[in-house]
Amino acid sequence: MKVLKNKRSDFTVTLELETDYAEIEKATEPAFKELVKDAKVPGFRQGKVPRPIFEKRYGTEMLVQRASTIVMNECYKQAIAAEQLEPVDYPREVEIKTLVKDQPFVFTLAVDVKPEVRLGKYKGLKVKRDSTAVKEEEIDRELNQVREYHAEYKNVERPAQKEDLVGYALKAFTLDGRPLDALTKEKTGTRLGTNFMSPDFDQALEGLCLKETKKFKVKVNADYFVKEAAGQEIECEVLINEIKERILPELNDEFIKKVSAKQTVAEMREEIRNNLAAQKKNLADNQVREKLIEELLRENEFAVPVALIEDKLNVLLRNLELELRNKGLELAKYLQVLNKDLDGLRADYRPTAEKRAKLDLLLEKIAVKEEIKPADADIEAELDKIMSSGRKEPLKPEELEKFKKSLPDSARKQIINYLTEEKCMDFLLNNAKITE
């Protein structure tokens, strides 16, 4: 096989390849074995037709055409290796230039390949990290939520006020007098101040007494769950049936003992402080990572082939579909909720797919330049982690070893790529200028 031409334009490489016609003649035998499977000749079982009979019935042109495809596939593989190309899509625009007995077999093709990435700045990237300090008022809010969860309510006969739990009968209408059945109820209620339906609604109930009736208009919240009323101005008629005052438990050691494993308020505050600090650290770590990626992409601008973006897009959507299925939701139903079709969803995810494609190429380049790769022990540990995930009991050593030996090379390569990317991100973080 010879590479007569290798022309590159942006991401597309056009190759002109040549090989001896003898390779076509050699390939006619495997071509015959493929084609004879579907050959139907009277007097012979399907797939059992002798080659001379096959050629007499179908001619040799069919064999030559199929043989040329076999040879082109093999030449393509050899050319990719020889020219050190990394295709990101299948070959296209395949054209046979010469297919004549005793003359060189010549054909051309085009294929999209990985872009040439020239690394810009990737060390010393400046990133701001959110503070992970826990404020006392944040702890107070958490403690108040505990108190609110254990609040008690008692009936009162005074006028309703904010924070009261108010029970009422409700009739609701559009402004032109049409009943809103989804809102009309004989017995329902709300805690004043939550503004669940509307701030106007809660304010209208303040000051009302038991058995008092009131008619009023309100503007319903745009995100209210009753769609026919959401964002609309409606007319309400309310009859107050019940008013309950909310009583929060006193925050003391006795209360803490009742509602938790802690013995004192001080112990509870310390636990909340530690939990909030851990949450903030986790959030800050994730945000720093995302900011670092954005900064890396900003410092290393380059375009990528559409085929590569489409590949990443397909992966993102497959992962989304799997995540939805694990939650008991089908993609079609999810699209209905979003009021989108599949093309619209793909358009939403395309920018993320492009970023992912660029990031993969950058990390791959950085890994080569900095000689970053996972150790064998890291790979083994990751395999152990994957196999133990979701199991009630760990695998026996012999079972684990059997799994590792049966693992396809493609799966092992994916694990190595993942670990390499993680090590690259650690390298970038360790070499970044992070300020809090």
Protein backbone atom coordinates (compact mmCIF):
# COMPACT_ATOMS: atom_id res chain seq x y z
CA MET A 1 0.00 0.00 0.00
CA LYS A 2 1.24 3.49 -0.94
CA VAL A 3 -0.06 6.89 0.14
CA LEU A 4 0.04 8.96 -3.05
CA LYS A 5 -1.52 12.09 -1.55
CA ASN A 6 -2.22 13.33 1.98
CA LYS A 7 -3.95 16.70 1.91
CA ARG A 8 -5.34 18.38 5.01
CA SER A 9 -7.93 21.16 5.12
CA ASP A 10 -9.11 22.18 8.61
CA PHE A 11 -10.20 18.86 10.16
CA THR A 12 -10.54 16.92 6.91
CA VAL A 13 -7.74 14.77 5.49
CA THR A 14 -8.04 13.61 1.88
CA LEU A 15 -6.03 10.50 1.04
CA GLU A 16 -5.19 8.95 -2.31
CA LEU A 17 -4.10 5.34 -1.83
CA GLU A 18 -2.60 2.77 -4.17
CA THR A 19 -2.04 -0.97 -3.95
CA ASP A 20 -1.31 -3.84 -6.35
CA TYR A 21 -4.22 -5.33 -8.26
CA ALA A 22 -3.02 -8.67 -6.90
CA GLU A 23 -4.58 -7.66 -3.56
CA ILE A 24 -7.98 -7.49 -5.29
CA GLU A 25 -7.50 -10.98 -6.68
CA LYS A 26 -6.56 -12.30 -3.23
CA ALA A 27 -9.66 -10.68 -1.71
CA THR A 28 -12.06 -12.31 -4.16
CA GLU A 29 -12.03 -15.51 -2.08
CA PRO A 30 -13.20 -13.87 1.19
CA ALA A 31 -15.58 -11.79 -0.97
CA PHE A 32 -17.05 -14.99 -2.44
CA LYS A 33 -17.48 -16.49 1.07
CA GLU A 34 -19.48 -13.44 2.09
CA LEU A 35 -21.65 -13.22 -1.00
CA VAL A 36 -22.39 -16.93 -1.37
CA LYS A 37 -24.28 -16.91 1.93
CA ASP A 38 -27.19 -15.14 0.20
CA ALA A 39 -26.81 -16.75 -3.23
CA LYS A 40 -29.79 -18.74 -4.51
CA VAL A 41 -29.14 -21.20 -7.34
CA PRO A 42 -31.57 -24.02 -8.25
CA GLY A 43 -30.23 -27.39 -7.23
CA PHE A 44 -27.97 -26.04 -4.47
CA ARG A 45 -28.63 -25.23 -0.86
CA GLN A 46 -28.30 -21.55 0.03
CA GLY A 47 -24.70 -20.84 0.98
CA LYS A 48 -23.42 -24.06 -0.61
CA VAL A 49 -23.07 -22.90 -4.24
CA PRO A 50 -19.60 -23.74 -5.71
CA ARG A 51 -17.61 -20.72 -6.84
CA PRO A 52 -17.58 -21.64 -10.57
CA ILE A 53 -21.36 -21.98 -10.54
CA PHE A 54 -21.68 -18.71 -8.61
CA GLU A 55 -19.49 -16.88 -11.14
CA LYS A 56 -21.38 -18.36 -14.07
CA ARG A 57 -24.72 -17.19 -12.64
CA TYR A 58 -23.73 -13.85 -11.14
CA GLY A 59 -20.54 -12.97 -13.02
CA THR A 60 -17.21 -11.92 -11.58
CA GLU A 61 -17.97 -8.19 -11.39
CA MET A 62 -19.84 -8.65 -8.12
CA LEU A 63 -16.84 -10.46 -6.61
CA VAL A 64 -14.44 -7.75 -7.76
CA GLN A 65 -16.62 -4.99 -6.32
CA ARG A 66 -16.90 -6.71 -2.96
CA ALA A 67 -13.16 -7.52 -3.01
CA SER A 68 -12.37 -3.86 -3.69
CA THR A 69 -14.31 -2.88 -0.54
CA ILE A 70 -12.34 -5.41 1.52
CA VAL A 71 -9.04 -4.10 0.13
CA MET A 72 -10.02 -0.45 0.66
CA ASN A 73 -10.87 -1.15 4.30
CA GLU A 74 -7.48 -2.78 4.87
CA CYS A 75 -5.58 -0.05 3.01
CA TYR A 76 -7.42 2.60 5.01
CA LYS A 77 -6.34 0.99 8.29
CA GLN A 78 -2.74 0.81 7.12
CA ALA A 79 -2.77 4.42 5.90
CA ILE A 80 -4.20 5.70 9.20
CA ALA A 81 -1.42 3.97 11.09
CA ALA A 82 1.32 5.03 8.64
CA GLU A 83 0.24 8.69 8.56
CA GLN A 84 -0.46 8.76 12.32
CA LEU A 85 -3.99 10.04 11.86
CA GLU A 86 -6.72 9.89 14.51
CA PRO A 87 -10.12 9.73 12.79
CA VAL A 88 -13.21 10.98 14.61
CA ASP A 89 -15.71 9.71 12.03
CA TYR A 90 -16.13 7.13 9.28
CA PRO A 91 -14.48 7.77 5.88
CA ARG A 92 -16.63 9.50 3.28
CA GLU A 93 -16.40 10.59 -0.37
CA VAL A 94 -14.81 7.24 -1.24
CA GLU A 95 -14.05 7.15 -4.96
CA ILE A 96 -12.31 4.45 -7.01
CA LYS A 97 -9.91 6.00 -9.51
CA THR A 98 -8.52 2.84 -11.14
CA LEU A 99 -9.81 -0.70 -10.91
CA VAL A 100 -8.31 -2.46 -13.96
CA LYS A 101 -6.68 -5.88 -14.04
CA ASP A 102 -2.86 -5.75 -14.05
CA GLN A 103 -2.89 -2.03 -13.14
CA PRO A 104 -2.45 -0.50 -9.66
CA PHE A 105 -5.69 -0.18 -7.72
CA VAL A 106 -6.12 3.52 -6.79
CA PHE A 107 -8.86 5.17 -4.73
CA THR A 108 -9.44 8.36 -2.71
CA LEU A 109 -11.33 9.10 0.48
CA ALA A 110 -11.88 11.89 2.98
CA VAL A 111 -12.02 11.54 6.75
CA ASP A 112 -12.35 13.97 9.67
CA VAL A 113 -9.53 13.71 12.21
CA LYS A 114 -8.71 15.15 15.60
CA PRO A 115 -7.66 18.80 15.41
CA GLU A 116 -4.05 19.80 16.02
CA VAL A 117 -4.08 21.21 19.54
CA ARG A 118 -1.35 23.72 20.31
CA LEU A 119 -1.25 24.19 24.05
CA GLY A 120 -1.47 27.72 25.35
CA LYS A 121 -1.46 28.59 29.03
CA TYR A 122 -2.51 25.79 31.36
CA LYS A 123 -0.31 26.33 34.42
CA GLY A 124 -0.87 29.18 36.84
CA LEU A 125 -4.52 29.67 35.87
CA LYS A 126 -6.19 32.16 38.20
CA VAL A 127 -9.36 30.98 39.93
CA LYS A 128 -11.37 32.42 42.83
CA ARG A 129 -12.66 30.03 45.46
CA ASP A 130 -15.77 30.81 47.48
CA SER A 131 -15.27 31.09 51.22
CA THR A 132 -16.13 27.97 53.22
CA ALA A 133 -16.36 29.82 56.54
CA VAL A 134 -19.57 29.04 58.44
CA LYS A 135 -21.37 32.05 59.91
CA GLU A 136 -23.24 31.93 63.20
CA GLU A 137 -26.44 33.12 61.51
CA GLU A 138 -26.27 30.12 59.18
CA ILE A 139 -26.18 27.81 62.17
CA ASP A 140 -29.07 29.76 63.71
CA ARG A 141 -31.12 29.24 60.56
CA GLU A 142 -30.50 25.48 60.66
CA LEU A 143 -31.52 25.32 64.33
CA ASN A 144 -34.66 27.34 63.61
CA GLN A 145 -35.58 24.86 60.90
CA VAL A 146 -35.32 22.07 63.48
CA ARG A 147 -37.60 24.06 65.78
CA GLU A 148 -40.07 24.73 62.97
CA TYR A 149 -40.15 21.03 62.07
CA HIS A 150 -41.19 20.23 65.65
CA ALA A 151 -43.59 23.16 66.02
CA GLU A 152 -46.99 22.64 67.67
CA TYR A 153 -50.26 24.34 66.80
CA LYS A 154 -53.14 25.28 69.12
CA ASN A 155 -56.58 26.62 68.29
CA VAL A 156 -57.13 30.32 68.99
CA GLU A 157 -60.17 32.59 68.63
CA ARG A 158 -58.34 35.83 67.83
CA PRO A 159 -58.02 37.26 64.29
CA ALA A 160 -55.62 35.43 61.99
CA GLN A 161 -52.05 36.72 61.82
CA LYS A 162 -48.81 35.87 60.09
CA GLU A 163 -47.43 32.35 60.87
CA ASP A 164 -50.90 31.06 61.87
CA LEU A 165 -52.22 27.87 60.30
CA VAL A 166 -55.57 28.90 58.81
CA GLY A 167 -58.22 26.44 57.63
CA TYR A 168 -60.93 27.67 55.26
CA ALA A 169 -63.44 26.85 52.54
CA LEU A 170 -62.49 28.38 49.19
CA LYS A 171 -64.44 29.23 46.07
CA ALA A 172 -62.41 30.52 43.14
CA PHE A 173 -63.52 32.13 39.86
CA THR A 174 -62.02 33.77 36.82
CA LEU A 175 -62.70 37.50 36.51
CA ASP A 176 -65.53 36.75 34.07
CA GLY A 177 -67.20 34.50 36.66
CA ARG A 178 -66.16 31.05 35.43
CA PRO A 179 -65.62 28.62 38.38
CA LEU A 180 -62.09 27.28 38.89
CA ASP A 181 -62.86 23.76 40.07
CA ALA A 182 -59.20 22.86 40.71
CA LEU A 183 -59.02 25.60 43.37
CA THR A 184 -62.52 25.33 44.83
CA LYS A 185 -62.48 23.22 48.01
CA GLU A 186 -64.67 22.77 51.08
CA LYS A 187 -61.73 22.18 53.38
CA THR A 188 -58.20 23.39 52.80
CA GLY A 189 -55.68 25.65 54.48
CA THR A 190 -52.32 27.40 54.50
CA ARG A 191 -49.78 28.88 56.87
CA LEU A 192 -49.88 32.63 56.49
CA GLY A 193 -46.62 34.07 55.27
CA THR A 194 -45.59 31.15 53.08
CA ASN A 195 -47.25 32.84 50.07
CA PHE A 196 -47.91 29.42 48.55
CA MET A 197 -50.65 30.61 46.17
CA SER A 198 -49.90 34.32 46.29
CA PRO A 199 -48.62 37.00 48.70
CA ASP A 200 -51.90 38.85 48.05
CA PHE A 201 -53.88 35.77 49.15
CA ASP A 202 -52.05 35.42 52.46
CA GLN A 203 -52.36 39.15 53.21
CA ALA A 204 -56.10 39.05 52.47
CA LEU A 205 -56.58 36.39 55.19
CA GLU A 206 -54.71 38.32 57.88
CA GLY A 207 -57.11 39.92 60.36
CA LEU A 208 -60.05 37.63 59.55
CA CYS A 209 -61.89 35.90 62.40
CA LEU A 210 -63.54 32.49 62.74
CA LYS A 211 -66.64 32.05 60.54
CA GLU A 212 -65.88 35.30 58.75
CA THR A 213 -66.34 35.39 54.97
CA LYS A 214 -64.42 37.60 52.57
CA LYS A 215 -64.41 38.15 48.81
CA PHE A 216 -61.30 39.53 47.13
CA LYS A 217 -59.15 39.46 43.99
CA VAL A 218 -55.56 38.17 43.90
CA LYS A 219 -52.76 37.71 41.37
CA VAL A 220 -51.71 34.01 41.52
CA ASN A 221 -48.01 33.09 41.48
CA ALA A 222 -46.71 32.34 37.98
CA ASP A 223 -45.30 28.97 39.11
CA TYR A 224 -48.45 27.83 40.95
CA PHE A 225 -49.22 24.16 40.34
CA VAL A 226 -52.79 24.83 39.06
CA LYS A 227 -51.89 25.78 35.49
CA GLU A 228 -55.22 27.38 34.57
CA ALA A 229 -54.78 29.88 37.42
CA ALA A 230 -50.97 30.33 37.38
CA GLY A 231 -50.01 33.95 36.70
CA GLN A 232 -53.67 34.99 36.43
CA GLU A 233 -55.78 37.42 38.44
CA ILE A 234 -58.70 35.56 40.00
CA GLU A 235 -61.58 36.20 42.39
CA CYS A 236 -61.77 34.33 45.69
CA GLU A 237 -64.44 33.79 48.35
CA VAL A 238 -63.10 32.46 51.67
CA LEU A 239 -64.89 31.22 54.80
CA ILE A 240 -62.56 30.88 57.82
CA ASN A 241 -63.11 27.58 59.66
CA GLU A 242 -60.03 27.32 61.86
CA ILE A 243 -57.17 29.44 63.18
CA LYS A 244 -54.20 27.78 64.87
CA GLU A 245 -51.25 29.56 66.43
CA ARG A 246 -47.82 28.14 65.76
CA ILE A 247 -45.78 27.50 68.90
CA LEU A 248 -42.08 26.88 68.46
CA PRO A 249 -40.33 24.75 71.09
CA GLU A 250 -37.76 26.54 73.23
CA LEU A 251 -34.21 25.93 72.09
CA ASN A 252 -32.54 24.30 75.08
CA ASP A 253 -30.68 21.15 76.01
CA GLU A 254 -33.90 19.26 76.85
CA PHE A 255 -35.33 19.94 73.39
CA ILE A 256 -32.07 18.83 71.70
CA LYS A 257 -32.11 15.55 73.66
CA LYS A 258 -35.65 14.84 72.43
CA VAL A 259 -35.02 15.43 68.75
CA SER A 260 -31.44 14.24 68.24
CA ALA A 261 -28.63 12.06 69.54
CA LYS A 262 -26.89 15.16 70.92
CA GLN A 263 -27.09 16.17 74.56
CA THR A 264 -26.72 19.94 74.43
CA VAL A 265 -27.39 22.90 72.17
CA ALA A 266 -23.62 23.46 71.98
CA GLU A 267 -23.08 19.93 70.65
CA MET A 268 -25.83 20.41 68.07
CA ARG A 269 -24.35 23.71 66.96
CA GLU A 270 -20.97 22.04 66.50
CA GLU A 271 -22.48 19.22 64.44
CA ILE A 272 -24.34 21.71 62.24
CA ARG A 273 -21.14 23.75 61.87
CA ASN A 274 -19.21 20.66 60.71
CA ASN A 275 -21.96 19.60 58.29
CA LEU A 276 -22.22 23.07 56.76
CA ALA A 277 -18.44 23.31 56.49
CA ALA A 278 -18.31 19.96 54.66
CA GLN A 279 -21.14 21.01 52.32
CA LYS A 280 -19.46 24.33 51.58
CA LYS A 281 -16.12 22.67 50.95
CA ASN A 282 -17.68 20.17 48.55
CA LEU A 283 -19.54 22.95 46.73
CA ALA A 284 -16.44 25.17 46.60
CA ASP A 285 -14.30 22.29 45.30
CA ASN A 286 -16.79 21.61 42.50
CA GLN A 287 -17.06 25.29 41.63
CA VAL A 288 -13.27 25.72 41.54
CA ARG A 289 -13.02 22.74 39.21
CA GLU A 290 -15.67 24.21 36.88
CA LYS A 291 -14.06 27.66 36.96
CA LEU A 292 -10.68 26.12 36.21
CA ILE A 293 -12.14 24.31 33.19
CA GLU A 294 -13.68 27.55 31.93
CA GLU A 295 -10.35 29.35 32.36
CA LEU A 296 -8.46 26.54 30.60
CA LEU A 297 -10.85 26.68 27.64
CA ARG A 298 -10.60 30.47 27.52
CA GLU A 299 -6.79 30.31 27.39
CA ASN A 300 -6.83 27.56 24.75
CA GLU A 301 -9.26 28.50 21.99
CA PHE A 302 -9.60 26.12 19.04
CA ALA A 303 -12.33 24.59 16.88
CA VAL A 304 -13.33 20.94 16.83
CA PRO A 305 -14.97 18.78 14.12
CA VAL A 306 -18.75 18.52 14.12
CA ALA A 307 -18.44 14.72 14.26
CA LEU A 308 -16.57 14.93 17.56
CA ILE A 309 -19.21 17.25 19.04
CA GLU A 310 -21.96 14.91 17.87
CA ASP A 311 -20.20 11.99 19.52
CA LYS A 312 -20.00 13.80 22.87
CA LEU A 313 -23.60 14.95 22.46
CA ASN A 314 -24.76 11.37 21.98
CA VAL A 315 -22.90 10.33 25.14
CA LEU A 316 -24.51 13.15 27.15
CA LEU A 317 -28.00 12.21 25.97
CA ARG A 318 -27.43 8.50 26.62
CA ASN A 319 -26.34 9.34 30.16
CA LEU A 320 -29.41 11.56 30.61
CA GLU A 321 -31.70 8.80 29.37
CA LEU A 322 -30.08 6.30 31.77
CA GLU A 323 -30.41 8.73 34.67
CA LEU A 324 -34.09 9.30 33.86
CA ARG A 325 -34.74 5.57 33.57
CA ASN A 326 -33.18 5.01 37.00
CA LYS A 327 -35.73 7.50 38.33
CA GLY A 328 -38.58 5.71 36.60
CA LEU A 329 -39.04 8.33 33.88
CA GLU A 330 -38.86 7.83 30.11
CA LEU A 331 -37.13 10.36 27.87
CA ALA A 332 -40.33 10.93 25.88
CA LYS A 333 -42.20 11.90 29.06
CA TYR A 334 -39.32 14.14 30.12
CA LEU A 335 -39.49 15.93 26.77
CA GLN A 336 -43.22 16.46 27.27
CA VAL A 337 -42.59 18.09 30.64
CA LEU A 338 -39.98 20.38 29.05
CA ASN A 339 -42.30 21.03 26.08
CA LYS A 340 -39.40 20.17 23.74
CA ASP A 341 -38.64 17.70 21.00
CA LEU A 342 -35.41 15.71 20.69
CA ASP A 343 -33.89 18.25 18.31
CA GLY A 344 -34.53 21.02 20.84
CA LEU A 345 -32.93 18.97 23.61
CA ARG A 346 -29.89 18.30 21.44
CA ALA A 347 -29.60 22.03 20.74
CA ASP A 348 -29.65 22.73 24.50
CA TYR A 349 -26.88 20.20 25.16
CA ARG A 350 -24.71 21.10 22.17
CA PRO A 351 -22.65 23.86 23.90
CA THR A 352 -21.87 21.45 26.76
CA ALA A 353 -20.89 18.73 24.27
CA GLU A 354 -18.54 21.13 22.46
CA LYS A 355 -16.88 22.13 25.75
CA ARG A 356 -16.49 18.47 26.68
CA ALA A 357 -14.91 17.67 23.30
CA LYS A 358 -12.42 20.52 23.67
CA LEU A 359 -11.63 19.64 27.28
CA ASP A 360 -10.93 15.99 26.41
CA LEU A 361 -8.48 17.03 23.69
CA LEU A 362 -6.72 19.51 25.98
CA LEU A 363 -6.38 17.04 28.85
CA GLU A 364 -5.10 14.40 26.43
CA LYS A 365 -2.44 16.84 25.18
CA ILE A 366 -1.47 17.92 28.70
CA ALA A 367 -1.19 14.28 29.81
CA VAL A 368 1.27 13.57 27.00
CA LYS A 369 3.34 16.71 27.64
CA GLU A 370 3.48 16.26 31.42
CA GLU A 371 3.77 12.45 31.21
CA ILE A 372 0.66 11.95 33.35
CA LYS A 373 -0.76 8.45 33.54
CA PRO A 374 -2.33 6.26 36.24
CA ALA A 375 -0.25 3.66 38.01
CA ASP A 376 -1.22 0.00 37.74
CA ALA A 377 -2.30 0.13 41.39
CA ASP A 378 -4.69 3.01 40.58
CA ILE A 379 -6.26 1.00 37.76
CA GLU A 380 -6.67 -2.07 39.96
CA ALA A 381 -8.21 0.04 42.74
CA GLU A 382 -10.70 1.57 40.31
CA LEU A 383 -11.67 -1.88 39.02
CA ASP A 384 -12.22 -3.05 42.61
CA LYS A 385 -14.35 0.04 43.26
CA ILE A 386 -16.49 -0.55 40.18
CA MET A 387 -17.09 -4.20 41.02
CA SER A 388 -17.94 -3.54 44.68
CA SER A 389 -20.35 -0.71 43.86
CA GLY A 390 -23.96 -1.56 44.64
CA ARG A 391 -23.17 -5.01 46.07
CA LYS A 392 -24.31 -6.08 49.51
CA GLU A 393 -21.36 -8.42 49.84
CA PRO A 394 -17.90 -7.95 48.28
CA LEU A 395 -16.77 -10.32 45.56
CA LYS A 396 -14.46 -13.15 46.46
CA PRO A 397 -10.85 -12.67 45.28
CA GLU A 398 -11.18 -15.38 42.63
CA GLU A 399 -14.43 -13.80 41.32
CA LEU A 400 -12.79 -10.38 41.15
CA GLU A 401 -9.79 -11.79 39.31
CA LYS A 402 -12.06 -13.57 36.83
CA PHE A 403 -13.89 -10.33 36.12
CA LYS A 404 -10.65 -8.43 35.54
CA LYS A 405 -9.41 -11.04 33.07
CA SER A 406 -12.70 -10.98 31.13
CA LEU A 407 -12.80 -7.18 30.93
CA PRO A 408 -12.72 -6.02 27.27
CA ASP A 409 -9.76 -3.89 26.22
CA SER A 410 -12.16 -1.06 25.32
CA ALA A 411 -13.56 -1.00 28.87
CA ARG A 412 -10.10 -1.00 30.42
CA LYS A 413 -9.10 1.82 28.07
CA GLN A 414 -12.11 3.86 29.22
CA ILE A 415 -11.06 3.40 32.84
CA ILE A 416 -7.48 4.43 32.05
CA ASN A 417 -8.73 7.51 30.17
CA TYR A 418 -10.95 8.47 33.09
CA LEU A 419 -8.14 8.11 35.63
CA THR A 420 -5.76 10.03 33.37
CA GLU A 421 -8.24 12.90 33.08
CA GLU A 422 -8.69 12.99 36.86
CA LYS A 423 -4.92 13.10 37.37
CA CYS A 424 -4.67 15.90 34.80
CA MET A 425 -7.32 17.90 36.66
CA ASP A 426 -5.41 17.38 39.92
CA PHE A 427 -2.26 18.58 38.16
CA LEU A 428 -4.03 21.72 36.92
CA LEU A 429 -5.49 22.42 40.37
CA ASN A 430 -2.12 21.97 42.05
CA ASN A 431 -0.56 24.39 39.55
CA ALA A 432 -3.37 26.96 39.60
CA LYS A 433 -3.38 30.27 41.50
CA ILE A 434 -6.44 29.88 43.69
CA THR A 435 -7.55 32.80 45.86
CA GLU A 436 -10.40 32.73 48.39
